[in-house]
Protein backbone atom coordinates (compact mmCIF):
# COMPACT_ATOMS: atom_id res chain seq x y z
CA MET A 1 -38.95 -63.99 -44.73
CA TYR A 2 -39.96 -64.47 -48.32
CA ASN A 3 -43.91 -63.82 -47.32
CA HIS A 4 -42.19 -60.68 -45.58
CA PHE A 5 -40.40 -59.20 -48.82
CA ILE A 6 -43.61 -59.93 -50.84
CA LYS A 7 -46.42 -57.92 -48.28
CA TRP A 8 -43.69 -55.37 -49.08
CA CYS A 9 -43.92 -55.24 -52.72
CA LEU A 10 -47.84 -55.50 -52.14
CA CYS A 11 -47.16 -52.06 -50.00
CA ALA A 12 -44.94 -50.26 -51.94
CA LYS A 13 -47.13 -50.94 -55.59
CA ILE A 14 -50.12 -48.74 -53.71
CA ILE A 15 -48.21 -46.37 -51.48
CA ASN A 16 -46.22 -45.49 -55.14
CA MET A 17 -50.01 -44.79 -56.09
CA LYS A 18 -50.32 -42.10 -53.04
CA GLY A 19 -46.92 -40.70 -52.44
CA SER A 20 -43.24 -41.14 -53.99
CA GLN A 21 -42.10 -39.39 -51.06
CA TYR A 22 -43.53 -42.26 -48.18
CA SER A 23 -42.66 -44.56 -51.08
CA ASP A 24 -39.13 -43.61 -50.64
CA LYS A 25 -39.22 -43.56 -46.76
CA ASN A 26 -40.95 -47.04 -46.57
CA LEU A 27 -37.37 -48.39 -49.03
CA GLU A 28 -34.99 -46.78 -47.01
CA GLU A 29 -36.53 -48.75 -43.60
CA PHE A 30 -37.49 -51.79 -45.53
CA ILE A 31 -33.31 -52.00 -46.68
CA GLN A 32 -32.59 -51.02 -43.01
CA LYS A 33 -34.13 -53.86 -41.88
CA HIS A 34 -33.74 -56.29 -44.02
CA PHE A 35 -29.86 -55.32 -45.05
CA GLY A 36 -28.13 -53.73 -41.41
CA VAL A 37 -27.09 -50.70 -42.88
CA ASN A 38 -28.60 -47.15 -42.66
CA PHE A 39 -28.32 -44.41 -45.08
CA GLY A 40 -30.52 -41.56 -46.16
CA ILE A 41 -32.31 -41.44 -49.37
CA ASP A 42 -31.48 -37.99 -50.97
CA GLU A 43 -33.08 -38.69 -54.76
CA VAL A 44 -34.36 -41.54 -56.43
CA VAL A 45 -33.21 -41.53 -60.03
CA SER A 46 -35.65 -44.50 -61.30
CA ARG A 47 -38.83 -46.07 -59.86
CA ASP A 48 -39.88 -49.81 -61.18
CA LEU A 49 -37.19 -49.92 -63.61
CA PRO A 50 -38.82 -52.79 -65.70
CA ILE A 51 -35.65 -55.79 -65.06
CA SER A 52 -36.97 -58.99 -66.49
CA TYR A 53 -40.20 -60.46 -66.67
CA SER A 54 -40.95 -60.88 -63.05
CA ALA A 55 -38.06 -57.97 -61.60
CA GLU A 56 -38.01 -53.73 -61.23
CA ALA A 57 -35.24 -52.18 -60.22
CA VAL A 58 -35.03 -48.61 -57.62
CA ILE A 59 -32.11 -47.02 -58.26
CA PHE A 60 -31.77 -44.16 -56.22
CA ARG A 61 -28.83 -41.77 -54.63
CA THR A 62 -27.66 -40.97 -51.24
CA LYS A 63 -27.04 -37.70 -49.12
CA LYS A 64 -23.30 -39.20 -49.42
CA LYS A 65 -23.89 -38.99 -53.04
CA LYS A 66 -23.20 -42.80 -53.51
CA LEU A 67 -25.55 -44.45 -56.32
CA TYR A 68 -27.12 -47.82 -55.35
CA ALA A 69 -29.68 -50.03 -57.23
CA PHE A 70 -32.36 -52.02 -55.05
CA LEU A 71 -33.52 -55.38 -57.25
CA SER A 72 -36.42 -57.34 -56.70
CA SER A 73 -38.40 -59.85 -58.02
CA GLU A 74 -41.57 -62.60 -57.40
CA ALA A 75 -39.34 -64.90 -58.88
CA ARG A 76 -36.33 -67.21 -57.34
CA MET A 77 -33.06 -65.18 -58.41
CA THR A 78 -29.39 -65.89 -56.90
CA LEU A 79 -26.58 -63.31 -57.15
CA GLY A 80 -25.51 -64.57 -60.88
CA ASP A 81 -29.01 -63.30 -61.65
CA MET A 82 -27.89 -60.14 -60.07
CA GLN A 83 -25.12 -59.65 -61.81
CA TYR A 84 -26.13 -60.82 -65.53
CA LEU A 85 -28.97 -57.91 -64.65
CA LEU A 86 -27.08 -55.25 -64.11
CA ASN A 87 -24.00 -55.76 -66.31
CA LYS A 88 -27.68 -55.76 -68.55
CA MET A 89 -28.48 -52.37 -67.23
CA ASN A 90 -25.10 -51.49 -68.16
CA LEU A 91 -24.28 -50.66 -64.56
CA LYS A 92 -21.04 -51.77 -62.95
CA PRO A 93 -21.87 -53.24 -59.39
CA ALA A 94 -19.04 -52.32 -56.40
CA TYR A 95 -20.73 -54.06 -53.40
CA PHE A 96 -23.53 -56.41 -52.77
CA PHE A 97 -24.97 -55.84 -49.14
CA PRO A 98 -25.87 -59.28 -47.50
CA PRO A 99 -28.84 -60.34 -46.16
CA ASN A 100 -29.10 -58.74 -42.74
CA GLY A 101 -25.62 -57.49 -42.73
CA TYR A 102 -23.84 -60.92 -41.88
CA LYS A 103 -20.95 -60.59 -43.89
CA ASP A 104 -20.13 -64.34 -45.00
CA TYR A 105 -23.63 -64.60 -47.01
CA PHE A 106 -22.39 -65.72 -49.55
CA VAL A 107 -19.34 -67.69 -48.97
CA ASP A 108 -20.55 -69.50 -46.22
CA HIS A 109 -23.89 -70.47 -48.71
CA ALA A 110 -21.20 -71.25 -51.14
CA ARG A 111 -19.41 -73.45 -48.75
CA GLU A 112 -22.66 -75.19 -47.84
CA GLN A 113 -23.94 -76.02 -51.67
CA PHE A 114 -19.82 -77.08 -52.53
CA LEU A 115 -19.53 -79.56 -49.35
CA GLN A 116 -23.54 -81.64 -50.45
CA ILE A 117 -21.56 -81.54 -54.03
CA PHE A 118 -18.02 -82.69 -52.52
CA PRO A 119 -18.56 -84.06 -48.88
CA GLY A 120 -15.46 -85.75 -48.50
CA ARG A 121 -13.66 -82.50 -49.18
CA GLU A 122 -12.46 -80.58 -45.99
CA HIS A 123 -10.49 -77.64 -47.20
CA VAL A 124 -12.12 -75.00 -49.40
CA GLN A 125 -10.57 -72.45 -51.56
CA ASP A 126 -12.34 -69.28 -51.71
CA GLU A 127 -11.52 -69.93 -55.69
CA GLU A 128 -13.23 -72.96 -56.08
CA LEU A 129 -16.29 -71.19 -54.31
CA ARG A 130 -16.10 -68.55 -57.25
CA TYR A 131 -18.91 -70.30 -59.44
CA TYR A 132 -21.17 -71.22 -55.98
CA LYS A 133 -21.39 -68.06 -54.71
CA THR A 134 -23.48 -67.03 -57.78
CA ARG A 135 -25.89 -70.09 -56.97
CA VAL A 136 -26.71 -67.99 -54.03
CA THR A 137 -29.66 -66.84 -52.98
CA TYR A 138 -30.19 -63.32 -53.04
CA ASN A 139 -33.60 -61.25 -53.10
CA PRO A 140 -34.17 -58.79 -53.21
CA ALA A 141 -31.02 -57.41 -53.88
CA LEU A 142 -29.33 -54.07 -52.92
CA VAL A 143 -26.07 -53.16 -54.90
CA GLU A 144 -23.67 -49.98 -54.85
CA ILE A 145 -22.71 -49.09 -57.89
CA ALA A 146 -19.44 -48.52 -59.41
CA GLU A 147 -20.04 -47.01 -62.52
CA VAL A 148 -22.96 -46.33 -65.19
CA LYS A 149 -21.44 -47.72 -68.31
CA ASN A 150 -21.52 -45.14 -71.32
CA GLY A 151 -23.60 -43.05 -69.62
CA GLU A 152 -26.64 -45.14 -69.86
CA VAL A 153 -29.39 -47.16 -67.72
CA ARG A 154 -31.03 -49.47 -69.99
CA CYS A 155 -34.33 -51.38 -69.07
CA PHE A 156 -36.00 -54.67 -70.12
CA ASN A 157 -38.56 -53.94 -73.02
CA SER A 158 -39.35 -57.14 -74.56
CA ASP A 159 -40.63 -55.48 -77.92
CA SER A 160 -37.07 -54.68 -78.66
CA ILE A 161 -34.23 -55.94 -80.08
CA GLY A 162 -32.12 -57.55 -77.87
CA SER A 163 -35.01 -57.01 -75.40
CA TRP A 164 -33.15 -54.13 -73.81
CA ARG A 165 -33.40 -50.41 -74.12
CA THR A 166 -31.65 -46.95 -72.65
CA ALA A 167 -34.14 -46.04 -70.17
CA PHE A 168 -32.36 -43.12 -69.17
CA ARG A 169 -29.15 -41.27 -69.56
CA LEU A 170 -27.11 -40.79 -66.44
CA SER A 171 -23.05 -40.16 -65.75
CA TYR A 172 -22.10 -41.61 -62.82
CA LYS A 173 -18.22 -42.87 -61.69
CA LYS A 174 -17.30 -44.00 -58.36
CA ILE A 175 -13.74 -42.00 -57.25
CA ILE A 176 -11.75 -43.91 -54.58
CA ALA A 177 -9.68 -41.81 -52.42
CA LYS A 178 -6.68 -43.26 -51.55
């Protein structure tokens, strides 16, 4: 699966040079295959936004006007890494889409790690797995965004103070209907 992702990244770089609409379609197809969700990309807000030395993000809106971030890295990343990067980008996550539409991906892998450290435990509470969920491998990542904090999206820049600078301004807050 990881090799498939690397091939997709190389293809995406070449396609970006040829045309943005074609790369949007490829991104949409990759998301559908890898995460098991199907939504049309209406507008790509930002492409190839640097979020670390080896990671990039694509921020886009769907036809239902929801904001999503697709994060990918050449290095091994975990859910905790993705949460950290989103926080640094001033993005508040609403939902992390598990790979292949596997609903219990984070819980099952966290439970597996927990039982490796504490093999005698039979009944494991969800609150005990909280830390181990952050250690679950999660690359690439698809995240629904709940809010853009302070109306600005930040990107990684090794030359700036604190290594983060404002990339662009964007007002967005998910409205939850009751």
